[in-house]
Amino acid sequence: MNKSELIKTLSEENNIAIEEATMMVNVFVDSMKDALAEGNRVEIRGFGSFKMKEYEGYTGRNPKTGEVVTVHPKHLPFFRAGKELKEFLNS
């Protein structure tokens, strides 16, 4: 499911306009992005949690050319599925 499909489903299941569903999804996603950018953890009970992980830089190799390259440190989002989601998917 992508963002457009989520908006369409929200609109259809709650009998609301596509524009309203779009606004709701955008506010939800933007709030999560803002919280993660501030270094906060985002937890949705029964679904899972998101947090930022820091990765140190390292020296790697371009797999095509074999050239040595420096990979800079980075921050990446990390998702951990919640217990209820795991149980739902494995039942």
PDB file of N, CA and C in Angstrom:
ATOM      1  N   MET A   1       0.851  -1.178   0.000  1.00  0.00           N
ATOM      2  CA  MET A   1       0.000   0.000   0.000  1.00  0.00           C
ATOM      3  C   MET A   1       0.888   1.230   0.000  1.00  0.00           C
ATOM      4  N   ASN A   2       0.593   2.150  -0.889  1.00  0.00           N
ATOM      5  CA  ASN A   2       1.336   3.405  -0.910  1.00  0.00           C
ATOM      6  C   ASN A   2       0.463   4.527  -0.320  1.00  0.00           C
ATOM      7  N   LYS A   3       1.010   5.736  -0.305  1.00  0.00           N
ATOM      8  CA  LYS A   3       0.321   6.863   0.327  1.00  0.00           C
ATOM      9  C   LYS A   3      -1.030   7.146  -0.336  1.00  0.00           C
ATOM     10  N   SER A   4      -1.083   7.102  -1.661  1.00  0.00           N
ATOM     11  CA  SER A   4      -2.339   7.366  -2.381  1.00  0.00           C
ATOM     12  C   SER A   4      -3.400   6.329  -2.045  1.00  0.00           C
ATOM     13  N   GLU A   5      -3.000   5.081  -1.948  1.00  0.00           N
ATOM     14  CA  GLU A   5      -3.945   4.013  -1.596  1.00  0.00           C
ATOM     15  C   GLU A   5      -4.447   4.175  -0.166  1.00  0.00           C
ATOM     16  N   LEU A   6      -3.563   4.598   0.740  1.00  0.00           N
ATOM     17  CA  LEU A   6      -3.956   4.848   2.122  1.00  0.00           C
ATOM     18  C   LEU A   6      -4.984   5.975   2.182  1.00  0.00           C
ATOM     19  N   ILE A   7      -4.752   7.043   1.438  1.00  0.00           N
ATOM     20  CA  ILE A   7      -5.687   8.173   1.404  1.00  0.00           C
ATOM     21  C   ILE A   7      -7.041   7.723   0.870  1.00  0.00           C
ATOM     22  N   LYS A   8      -7.025   6.957  -0.195  1.00  0.00           N
ATOM     23  CA  LYS A   8      -8.277   6.477  -0.799  1.00  0.00           C
ATOM     24  C   LYS A   8      -9.045   5.586   0.176  1.00  0.00           C
ATOM     25  N   THR A   9      -8.344   4.682   0.854  1.00  0.00           N
ATOM     26  CA  THR A   9      -8.984   3.792   1.824  1.00  0.00           C
ATOM     27  C   THR A   9      -9.569   4.583   2.987  1.00  0.00           C
ATOM     28  N   LEU A  10      -8.812   5.543   3.503  1.00  0.00           N
ATOM     29  CA  LEU A  10      -9.293   6.390   4.607  1.00  0.00           C
ATOM     30  C   LEU A  10     -10.537   7.148   4.190  1.00  0.00           C
ATOM     31  N   SER A  11     -10.527   7.672   2.996  1.00  0.00           N
ATOM     32  CA  SER A  11     -11.672   8.422   2.478  1.00  0.00           C
ATOM     33  C   SER A  11     -12.901   7.529   2.340  1.00  0.00           C
ATOM     34  N   GLU A  12     -12.729   6.367   1.748  1.00  0.00           N
ATOM     35  CA  GLU A  12     -13.856   5.467   1.506  1.00  0.00           C
ATOM     36  C   GLU A  12     -14.431   4.881   2.796  1.00  0.00           C
ATOM     37  N   GLU A  13     -13.558   4.458   3.713  1.00  0.00           N
ATOM     38  CA  GLU A  13     -14.034   3.808   4.938  1.00  0.00           C
ATOM     39  C   GLU A  13     -14.667   4.770   5.926  1.00  0.00           C
ATOM     40  N   ASN A  14     -14.356   6.055   5.812  1.00  0.00           N
ATOM     41  CA  ASN A  14     -14.901   7.037   6.755  1.00  0.00           C
ATOM     42  C   ASN A  14     -15.831   8.042   6.090  1.00  0.00           C
ATOM     43  N   ASN A  15     -16.151   7.808   4.826  1.00  0.00           N
ATOM     44  CA  ASN A  15     -17.042   8.693   4.073  1.00  0.00           C
ATOM     45  C   ASN A  15     -16.646  10.166   4.193  1.00  0.00           C
ATOM     46  N   ILE A  16     -15.367  10.428   3.929  1.00  0.00           N
ATOM     47  CA  ILE A  16     -14.885  11.807   3.945  1.00  0.00           C
ATOM     48  C   ILE A  16     -14.291  12.121   2.569  1.00  0.00           C
ATOM     49  N   ALA A  17     -14.155  13.393   2.279  1.00  0.00           N
ATOM     50  CA  ALA A  17     -13.616  13.837   0.997  1.00  0.00           C
ATOM     51  C   ALA A  17     -12.141  13.453   0.878  1.00  0.00           C
ATOM     52  N   ILE A  18     -11.711  13.204  -0.339  1.00  0.00           N
ATOM     53  CA  ILE A  18     -10.304  12.862  -0.612  1.00  0.00           C
ATOM     54  C   ILE A  18      -9.380  13.954  -0.076  1.00  0.00           C
ATOM     55  N   GLU A  19      -9.781  15.213  -0.227  1.00  0.00           N
ATOM     56  CA  GLU A  19      -8.953  16.332   0.231  1.00  0.00           C
ATOM     57  C   GLU A  19      -8.744  16.278   1.742  1.00  0.00           C
ATOM     58  N   GLU A  20      -9.807  15.945   2.473  1.00  0.00           N
ATOM     59  CA  GLU A  20      -9.714  15.850   3.930  1.00  0.00           C
ATOM     60  C   GLU A  20      -8.837  14.673   4.331  1.00  0.00           C
ATOM     61  N   ALA A  21      -9.000  13.547   3.662  1.00  0.00           N
ATOM     62  CA  ALA A  21      -8.179  12.367   3.949  1.00  0.00           C
ATOM     63  C   ALA A  21      -6.712  12.662   3.633  1.00  0.00           C
ATOM     64  N   THR A  22      -6.474  13.377   2.539  1.00  0.00           N
ATOM     65  CA  THR A  22      -5.106  13.750   2.157  1.00  0.00           C
ATOM     66  C   THR A  22      -4.475  14.613   3.241  1.00  0.00           C
ATOM     67  N   MET A  23      -5.237  15.598   3.731  1.00  0.00           N
ATOM     68  CA  MET A  23      -4.727  16.471   4.783  1.00  0.00           C
ATOM     69  C   MET A  23      -4.399  15.676   6.051  1.00  0.00           C
ATOM     70  N   MET A  24      -5.261  14.741   6.425  1.00  0.00           N
ATOM     71  CA  MET A  24      -5.050  13.936   7.634  1.00  0.00           C
ATOM     72  C   MET A  24      -3.787  13.090   7.513  1.00  0.00           C
ATOM     73  N   VAL A  25      -3.622  12.436   6.382  1.00  0.00           N
ATOM     74  CA  VAL A  25      -2.439  11.592   6.176  1.00  0.00           C
ATOM     75  C   VAL A  25      -1.179  12.452   6.154  1.00  0.00           C
ATOM     76  N   ASN A  26      -1.237  13.597   5.489  1.00  0.00           N
ATOM     77  CA  ASN A  26      -0.065  14.477   5.430  1.00  0.00           C
ATOM     78  C   ASN A  26       0.321  15.001   6.803  1.00  0.00           C
ATOM     79  N   VAL A  27      -0.654  15.381   7.619  1.00  0.00           N
ATOM     80  CA  VAL A  27      -0.367  15.853   8.979  1.00  0.00           C
ATOM     81  C   VAL A  27       0.270  14.728   9.797  1.00  0.00           C
ATOM     82  N   PHE A  28      -0.259  13.524   9.667  1.00  0.00           N
ATOM     83  CA  PHE A  28       0.278  12.365  10.388  1.00  0.00           C
ATOM     84  C   PHE A  28       1.733  12.097   9.989  1.00  0.00           C
ATOM     85  N   VAL A  29       1.984  12.020   8.689  1.00  0.00           N
ATOM     86  CA  VAL A  29       3.335  11.716   8.196  1.00  0.00           C
ATOM     87  C   VAL A  29       4.303  12.850   8.545  1.00  0.00           C
ATOM     88  N   ASP A  30       3.881  14.093   8.354  1.00  0.00           N
ATOM     89  CA  ASP A  30       4.748  15.235   8.665  1.00  0.00           C
ATOM     90  C   ASP A  30       5.081  15.305  10.152  1.00  0.00           C
ATOM     91  N   SER A  31       4.122  14.983  11.002  1.00  0.00           N
ATOM     92  CA  SER A  31       4.366  14.976  12.449  1.00  0.00           C
ATOM     93  C   SER A  31       5.396  13.921  12.818  1.00  0.00           C
ATOM     94  N   MET A  32       5.295  12.757  12.187  1.00  0.00           N
ATOM     95  CA  MET A  32       6.273  11.696  12.446  1.00  0.00           C
ATOM     96  C   MET A  32       7.666  12.117  11.971  1.00  0.00           C
ATOM     97  N   LYS A  33       7.745  12.703  10.781  1.00  0.00           N
ATOM     98  CA  LYS A  33       9.039  13.150  10.252  1.00  0.00           C
ATOM     99  C   LYS A  33       9.659  14.217  11.156  1.00  0.00           C
ATOM    100  N   ASP A  34       8.849  15.169  11.615  1.00  0.00           N
ATOM    101  CA  ASP A  34       9.349  16.234  12.487  1.00  0.00           C
ATOM    102  C   ASP A  34       9.880  15.658  13.804  1.00  0.00           C
ATOM    103  N   ALA A  35       9.134  14.719  14.383  1.00  0.00           N
ATOM    104  CA  ALA A  35       9.560  14.107  15.647  1.00  0.00           C
ATOM    105  C   ALA A  35      10.880  13.365  15.467  1.00  0.00           C
ATOM    106  N   LEU A  36      11.009  12.605  14.386  1.00  0.00           N
ATOM    107  CA  LEU A  36      12.252  11.874  14.130  1.00  0.00           C
ATOM    108  C   LEU A  36      13.412  12.830  13.876  1.00  0.00           C
ATOM    109  N   ALA A  37      13.159  13.908  13.148  1.00  0.00           N
ATOM    110  CA  ALA A  37      14.205  14.893  12.860  1.00  0.00           C
ATOM    111  C   ALA A  37      14.712  15.557  14.137  1.00  0.00           C
ATOM    112  N   GLU A  38      13.842  15.677  15.142  1.00  0.00           N
ATOM    113  CA  GLU A  38      14.226  16.258  16.433  1.00  0.00           C
ATOM    114  C   GLU A  38      14.914  15.242  17.332  1.00  0.00           C
ATOM    115  N   GLY A  39      15.014  13.997  16.859  1.00  0.00           N
ATOM    116  CA  GLY A  39      15.678  12.957  17.643  1.00  0.00           C
ATOM    117  C   GLY A  39      14.745  12.188  18.554  1.00  0.00           C
ATOM    118  N   ASN A  40      13.444  12.415  18.418  1.00  0.00           N
ATOM    119  CA  ASN A  40      12.471  11.719  19.258  1.00  0.00           C
ATOM    120  C   ASN A  40      12.092  10.373  18.664  1.00  0.00           C
ATOM    121  N   ARG A  41      11.614   9.501  19.512  1.00  0.00           N
ATOM    122  CA  ARG A  41      11.123   8.186  19.107  1.00  0.00           C
ATOM    123  C   ARG A  41       9.617   8.317  18.868  1.00  0.00           C
ATOM    124  N   VAL A  42       9.105   7.626  17.850  1.00  0.00           N
ATOM    125  CA  VAL A  42       7.679   7.637  17.544  1.00  0.00           C
ATOM    126  C   VAL A  42       7.149   6.234  17.770  1.00  0.00           C
ATOM    127  N   GLU A  43       6.166   6.105  18.666  1.00  0.00           N
ATOM    128  CA  GLU A  43       5.595   4.791  18.958  1.00  0.00           C
ATOM    129  C   GLU A  43       4.105   4.802  18.663  1.00  0.00           C
ATOM    130  N   ILE A  44       3.666   3.809  17.892  1.00  0.00           N
ATOM    131  CA  ILE A  44       2.252   3.630  17.601  1.00  0.00           C
ATOM    132  C   ILE A  44       1.880   2.286  18.203  1.00  0.00           C
ATOM    133  N   ARG A  45       1.207   2.325  19.351  1.00  0.00           N
ATOM    134  CA  ARG A  45       0.864   1.102  20.084  1.00  0.00           C
ATOM    135  C   ARG A  45       0.143   0.113  19.190  1.00  0.00           C
ATOM    136  N   GLY A  46       0.556  -1.135  19.260  1.00  0.00           N
ATOM    137  CA  GLY A  46      -0.061  -2.189  18.471  1.00  0.00           C
ATOM    138  C   GLY A  46       0.498  -2.288  17.061  1.00  0.00           C
ATOM    139  N   PHE A  47       1.321  -1.325  16.660  1.00  0.00           N
ATOM    140  CA  PHE A  47       1.894  -1.337  15.316  1.00  0.00           C
ATOM    141  C   PHE A  47       3.410  -1.445  15.372  1.00  0.00           C
ATOM    142  N   GLY A  48       4.056  -0.473  16.007  1.00  0.00           N
ATOM    143  CA  GLY A  48       5.510  -0.496  16.101  1.00  0.00           C
ATOM    144  C   GLY A  48       6.064   0.854  16.471  1.00  0.00           C
ATOM    145  N   SER A  49       7.387   0.947  16.430  1.00  0.00           N
ATOM    146  CA  SER A  49       8.033   2.211  16.786  1.00  0.00           C
ATOM    147  C   SER A  49       9.121   2.548  15.777  1.00  0.00           C
ATOM    148  N   PHE A  50       9.347   3.846  15.635  1.00  0.00           N
ATOM    149  CA  PHE A  50      10.376   4.369  14.751  1.00  0.00           C
ATOM    150  C   PHE A  50      11.368   5.144  15.603  1.00  0.00           C
ATOM    151  N   LYS A  51      12.644   5.042  15.267  1.00  0.00           N
ATOM    152  CA  LYS A  51      13.656   5.862  15.909  1.00  0.00           C
ATOM    153  C   LYS A  51      14.784   6.081  14.917  1.00  0.00           C
ATOM    154  N   MET A  52      15.625   7.048  15.218  1.00  0.00           N
ATOM    155  CA  MET A  52      16.762   7.338  14.357  1.00  0.00           C
ATOM    156  C   MET A  52      17.977   6.581  14.885  1.00  0.00           C
ATOM    157  N   LYS A  53      18.730   6.009  13.970  1.00  0.00           N
ATOM    158  CA  LYS A  53      19.983   5.353  14.321  1.00  0.00           C
ATOM    159  C   LYS A  53      21.118   6.093  13.644  1.00  0.00           C
ATOM    160  N   GLU A  54      22.211   6.217  14.378  1.00  0.00           N
ATOM    161  CA  GLU A  54      23.395   6.877  13.834  1.00  0.00           C
ATOM    162  C   GLU A  54      24.383   5.809  13.388  1.00  0.00           C
ATOM    163  N   TYR A  55      24.896   5.979  12.189  1.00  0.00           N
ATOM    164  CA  TYR A  55      25.893   5.064  11.653  1.00  0.00           C
ATOM    165  C   TYR A  55      27.177   5.838  11.420  1.00  0.00           C
ATOM    166  N   GLU A  56      28.290   5.276  11.858  1.00  0.00           N
ATOM    167  CA  GLU A  56      29.578   5.929  11.682  1.00  0.00           C
ATOM    168  C   GLU A  56      30.041   5.783  10.240  1.00  0.00           C
ATOM    169  N   GLY A  57      30.925   6.667   9.847  1.00  0.00           N
ATOM    170  CA  GLY A  57      31.497   6.593   8.513  1.00  0.00           C
ATOM    171  C   GLY A  57      32.485   5.436   8.428  1.00  0.00           C
ATOM    172  N   TYR A  58      32.760   4.996   7.223  1.00  0.00           N
ATOM    173  CA  TYR A  58      33.715   3.912   7.013  1.00  0.00           C
ATOM    174  C   TYR A  58      34.277   3.986   5.599  1.00  0.00           C
ATOM    175  N   THR A  59      35.318   3.217   5.366  1.00  0.00           N
ATOM    176  CA  THR A  59      35.895   3.136   4.034  1.00  0.00           C
ATOM    177  C   THR A  59      35.310   1.917   3.352  1.00  0.00           C
ATOM    178  N   GLY A  60      34.701   2.152   2.200  1.00  0.00           N
ATOM    179  CA  GLY A  60      34.084   1.063   1.457  1.00  0.00           C
ATOM    180  C   GLY A  60      34.695   0.945   0.080  1.00  0.00           C
ATOM    181  N   ARG A  61      34.066   0.132  -0.729  1.00  0.00           N
ATOM    182  CA  ARG A  61      34.547  -0.111  -2.080  1.00  0.00           C
ATOM    183  C   ARG A  61      33.385  -0.074  -3.056  1.00  0.00           C
ATOM    184  N   ASN A  62      33.576   0.615  -4.165  1.00  0.00           N
ATOM    185  CA  ASN A  62      32.567   0.630  -5.216  1.00  0.00           C
ATOM    186  C   ASN A  62      32.546  -0.770  -5.833  1.00  0.00           C
ATOM    187  N   PRO A  63      31.407  -1.481  -5.765  1.00  0.00           N
ATOM    188  CA  PRO A  63      31.377  -2.858  -6.250  1.00  0.00           C
ATOM    189  C   PRO A  63      31.606  -2.986  -7.759  1.00  0.00           C
ATOM    190  N   LYS A  64      31.308  -1.947  -8.511  1.00  0.00           N
ATOM    191  CA  LYS A  64      31.483  -2.003  -9.967  1.00  0.00           C
ATOM    192  C   LYS A  64      32.940  -1.801 -10.384  1.00  0.00           C
ATOM    193  N   THR A  65      33.550  -0.774  -9.787  1.00  0.00           N
ATOM    194  CA  THR A  65      34.904  -0.408 -10.221  1.00  0.00           C
ATOM    195  C   THR A  65      35.994  -0.884  -9.270  1.00  0.00           C
ATOM    196  N   GLY A  66      35.622  -1.214  -8.050  1.00  0.00           N
ATOM    197  CA  GLY A  66      36.618  -1.612  -7.057  1.00  0.00           C
ATOM    198  C   GLY A  66      37.306  -0.426  -6.408  1.00  0.00           C
ATOM    199  N   GLU A  67      36.918   0.783  -6.789  1.00  0.00           N
ATOM    200  CA  GLU A  67      37.524   2.000  -6.251  1.00  0.00           C
ATOM    201  C   GLU A  67      37.181   2.156  -4.771  1.00  0.00           C
ATOM    202  N   VAL A  68      38.169   2.572  -3.989  1.00  0.00           N
ATOM    203  CA  VAL A  68      37.966   2.813  -2.561  1.00  0.00           C
ATOM    204  C   VAL A  68      37.224   4.133  -2.400  1.00  0.00           C
ATOM    205  N   VAL A  69      36.150   4.121  -1.616  1.00  0.00           N
ATOM    206  CA  VAL A  69      35.361   5.325  -1.378  1.00  0.00           C
ATOM    207  C   VAL A  69      35.133   5.506   0.119  1.00  0.00           C
ATOM    208  N   THR A  70      34.982   6.755   0.522  1.00  0.00           N
ATOM    209  CA  THR A  70      34.686   7.056   1.921  1.00  0.00           C
ATOM    210  C   THR A  70      33.179   7.220   2.063  1.00  0.00           C
ATOM    211  N   VAL A  71      32.593   6.444   2.963  1.00  0.00           N
ATOM    212  CA  VAL A  71      31.161   6.556   3.241  1.00  0.00           C
ATOM    213  C   VAL A  71      31.034   7.417   4.494  1.00  0.00           C
ATOM    214  N   HIS A  72      30.322   8.526   4.362  1.00  0.00           N
ATOM    215  CA  HIS A  72      30.193   9.485   5.457  1.00  0.00           C
ATOM    216  C   HIS A  72      29.215   8.980   6.522  1.00  0.00           C
ATOM    217  N   PRO A  73      29.359   9.461   7.762  1.00  0.00           N
ATOM    218  CA  PRO A  73      28.393   9.096   8.813  1.00  0.00           C
ATOM    219  C   PRO A  73      26.988   9.527   8.392  1.00  0.00           C
ATOM    220  N   LYS A  74      25.991   8.793   8.857  1.00  0.00           N
ATOM    221  CA  LYS A  74      24.617   9.138   8.480  1.00  0.00           C
ATOM    222  C   LYS A  74      23.635   8.759   9.575  1.00  0.00           C
ATOM    223  N   HIS A  75      22.462   9.359   9.506  1.00  0.00           N
ATOM    224  CA  HIS A  75      21.342   9.067  10.397  1.00  0.00           C
ATOM    225  C   HIS A  75      20.252   8.441   9.542  1.00  0.00           C
ATOM    226  N   LEU A  76      19.770   7.278   9.958  1.00  0.00           N
ATOM    227  CA  LEU A  76      18.723   6.596   9.201  1.00  0.00           C
ATOM    228  C   LEU A  76      17.588   6.182  10.124  1.00  0.00           C
ATOM    229  N   PRO A  77      16.345   6.238   9.620  1.00  0.00           N
ATOM    230  CA  PRO A  77      15.215   5.794  10.443  1.00  0.00           C
ATOM    231  C   PRO A  77      15.233   4.272  10.571  1.00  0.00           C
ATOM    232  N   PHE A  78      14.811   3.800  11.724  1.00  0.00           N
ATOM    233  CA  PHE A  78      14.772   2.369  12.015  1.00  0.00           C
ATOM    234  C   PHE A  78      13.379   2.046  12.552  1.00  0.00           C
ATOM    235  N   PHE A  79      12.755   0.996  12.023  1.00  0.00           N
ATOM    236  CA  PHE A  79      11.424   0.591  12.453  1.00  0.00           C
ATOM    237  C   PHE A  79      11.504  -0.749  13.160  1.00  0.00           C
ATOM    238  N   ARG A  80      10.826  -0.849  14.295  1.00  0.00           N
ATOM    239  CA  ARG A  80      10.712  -2.120  15.008  1.00  0.00           C
ATOM    240  C   ARG A  80       9.230  -2.424  15.159  1.00  0.00           C
ATOM    241  N   ALA A  81       8.815  -3.560  14.623  1.00  0.00           N
ATOM    242  CA  ALA A  81       7.407  -3.965  14.690  1.00  0.00           C
ATOM    243  C   ALA A  81       7.019  -4.258  16.138  1.00  0.00           C
ATOM    244  N   GLY A  82       5.789  -3.887  16.489  1.00  0.00           N
ATOM    245  CA  GLY A  82       5.260  -4.140  17.819  1.00  0.00           C
ATOM    246  C   GLY A  82       4.788  -5.582  17.967  1.00  0.00           C
ATOM    247  N   LYS A  83       4.610  -5.991  19.205  1.00  0.00           N
ATOM    248  CA  LYS A  83       4.201  -7.358  19.513  1.00  0.00           C
ATOM    249  C   LYS A  83       2.875  -7.721  18.847  1.00  0.00           C
ATOM    250  N   GLU A  84       1.888  -6.838  18.929  1.00  0.00           N
ATOM    251  CA  GLU A  84       0.571  -7.130  18.347  1.00  0.00           C
ATOM    252  C   GLU A  84       0.650  -7.293  16.829  1.00  0.00           C
ATOM    253  N   LEU A  85       1.450  -6.471  16.162  1.00  0.00           N
ATOM    254  CA  LEU A  85       1.602  -6.584  14.712  1.00  0.00           C
ATOM    255  C   LEU A  85       2.272  -7.909  14.353  1.00  0.00           C
ATOM    256  N   LYS A  86       3.304  -8.270  15.094  1.00  0.00           N
ATOM    257  CA  LYS A  86       3.992  -9.539  14.848  1.00  0.00           C
ATOM    258  C   LYS A  86       3.022 -10.723  15.015  1.00  0.00           C
ATOM    259  N   GLU A  87       2.251 -10.686  16.095  1.00  0.00           N
ATOM    260  CA  GLU A  87       1.303 -11.775  16.351  1.00  0.00           C
ATOM    261  C   GLU A  87       0.236 -11.833  15.260  1.00  0.00           C
ATOM    262  N   PHE A  88      -0.254 -10.676  14.817  1.00  0.00           N
ATOM    263  CA  PHE A  88      -1.262 -10.622  13.764  1.00  0.00           C
ATOM    264  C   PHE A  88      -0.743 -11.225  12.466  1.00  0.00           C
ATOM    265  N   LEU A  89       0.497 -10.879  12.122  1.00  0.00           N
ATOM    266  CA  LEU A  89       1.088 -11.358  10.865  1.00  0.00           C
ATOM    267  C   LEU A  89       1.481 -12.823  10.911  1.00  0.00           C
ATOM    268  N   ASN A  90       1.671 -13.356  12.109  1.00  0.00           N
ATOM    269  CA  ASN A  90       2.103 -14.750  12.248  1.00  0.00           C
ATOM    270  C   ASN A  90       0.982 -15.681  12.704  1.00  0.00           C
ATOM    271  N   SER A  91      -0.267 -15.211  12.685  1.00  0.00           N
ATOM    272  CA  SER A  91      -1.361 -16.078  13.126  1.00  0.00           C
ATOM    273  C   SER A  91      -2.025 -16.789  11.967  1.00  0.00           C
TER     274      SER A  91
END
